Protein backbone atom coordinates (compact mmCIF):
# COMPACT_ATOMS: atom_id res chain seq x y z
CA MET A 1 0.20 -0.05 -0.19
CA ASN A 2 1.68 3.44 -0.89
CA ARG A 3 -0.94 5.36 0.94
CA TRP A 4 -3.08 5.42 4.28
CA LEU A 5 -5.20 7.52 6.26
CA LEU A 6 -4.99 7.97 9.74
CA VAL A 7 -8.20 8.26 10.91
CA GLN A 8 -10.24 8.59 13.94
CA GLY A 9 -13.97 7.14 13.55
CA GLY A 10 -14.99 9.05 10.45
CA THR A 11 -12.39 11.39 11.18
CA VAL A 12 -9.12 11.96 8.76
CA LEU A 13 -6.39 13.08 10.63
CA GLY A 14 -3.83 12.79 8.23
CA THR A 15 -1.95 10.79 5.09
CA LEU A 16 0.96 8.92 5.27
CA ARG A 17 2.73 8.51 1.83
CA TRP A 18 5.08 5.60 2.06
CA THR A 19 8.39 6.06 1.13
CA HIS A 20 10.36 3.05 2.34
CA SER A 21 10.73 0.21 4.41
CA ASP A 22 13.17 -0.78 7.07
CA PHE A 23 12.30 -3.35 8.81
CA PRO A 24 10.20 -3.71 11.18
CA PHE A 25 9.03 -0.33 10.43
CA ASP A 26 7.52 1.39 7.11
CA TYR A 27 8.55 4.81 6.51
CA CYS A 28 6.18 7.35 5.37
CA ARG A 29 5.92 11.22 4.69
CA PHE A 30 3.47 12.72 6.96
CA GLU A 31 0.81 14.83 5.77
CA PRO A 32 -1.38 16.25 8.73
CA ALA A 33 -5.37 17.10 8.35
CA PRO A 34 -6.42 20.05 10.45
CA ALA A 35 -7.86 17.56 12.99
CA PHE A 36 -4.48 16.14 13.74
CA SER A 37 -3.51 19.41 16.05
CA ALA A 38 -6.12 17.86 18.37
CA VAL A 39 -4.12 14.68 18.95
CA GLU A 40 -0.43 16.11 17.94
CA PRO A 41 0.66 16.90 21.76
CA LEU A 42 -0.09 13.38 22.06
CA PHE A 43 2.35 12.15 19.18
CA ALA A 44 5.13 15.04 20.71
CA ALA A 45 4.79 13.25 23.84
CA SER A 46 5.58 9.71 22.68
CA LEU A 47 8.13 11.08 20.28
CA GLN A 48 9.89 13.22 23.24
CA ALA A 49 10.01 10.02 25.45
CA LEU A 50 11.26 7.38 22.19
CA LYS A 51 14.12 10.20 21.78
CA ALA A 52 15.03 9.88 25.57
CA ASP A 53 15.15 6.59 25.52
CA ASP A 54 12.50 6.78 28.36
CA GLY A 55 10.94 3.05 28.16
CA SER A 56 8.35 3.48 30.57
CA GLN A 57 7.25 7.40 29.62
CA PHE A 58 6.97 5.96 26.29
CA GLU A 59 4.93 3.04 27.05
CA GLN A 60 2.35 5.79 29.32
CA ALA A 61 2.48 8.48 26.43
CA TYR A 62 1.24 5.38 23.71
CA GLU A 63 -0.99 4.20 25.81
CA ARG A 64 -2.93 7.46 25.22
CA ILE A 65 -2.71 7.27 21.80
CA GLU A 66 -3.89 3.80 21.62
CA ALA A 67 -6.98 5.07 23.61
CA LEU A 68 -8.09 7.21 20.93
CA GLY A 69 -8.96 4.00 18.57
CA LEU A 70 -7.06 5.50 15.65
CA ALA A 71 -6.82 3.44 12.13
CA LEU A 72 -5.02 3.27 9.30
CA VAL A 73 -7.52 2.88 6.28
CA SER A 74 -6.63 2.66 2.58
CA PRO A 75 -8.28 5.29 0.57
CA ASP A 76 -10.55 3.27 -0.65
CA GLY A 77 -11.73 1.69 2.46
CA ALA A 78 -10.76 -1.99 1.35
CA GLU A 79 -7.67 -2.12 3.61
CA ARG A 80 -7.42 -1.38 7.75
CA ILE A 81 -5.23 -1.84 10.53
CA ASP A 82 -6.40 -1.26 13.87
CA ALA A 83 -3.45 -2.55 15.97
CA PHE A 84 0.06 -0.42 14.82
CA LEU A 85 2.64 1.57 16.50
CA LEU A 86 2.91 4.52 14.88
CA ASN A 87 5.61 7.35 15.37
CA ILE A 88 5.42 10.93 13.98
CA ASP A 89 8.15 13.68 13.88
CA GLY A 90 7.25 16.80 11.47
CA GLU A 91 6.75 15.48 7.85
CA GLN A 92 8.22 11.99 8.74
CA ALA A 93 6.30 8.96 10.12
CA TRP A 94 7.07 5.41 10.73
CA PHE A 95 4.76 2.65 11.64
CA ARG A 96 4.51 -1.41 12.57
CA SER A 97 1.79 -3.20 12.43
């Protein structure tokens, strides 16, 4: 899949355009939608913990993201991933499912 939509319910939070894979992650260019601003602080907190190599803090931060019920959905709606780990750093994103 070359493109995924990051969604919460029926709201599109952004688009991930696949650039390359480096097992176990797929790397993408992230294009936020206006609705992403509501969840951006949660991704910023998890990224900060990841960069600080603080596993406990990262787990706590990512649990808040998981509680949002996000999904990655193909643009045509034919494919959906509900369980994944997604990191976003500006225009770069990487995930594994």
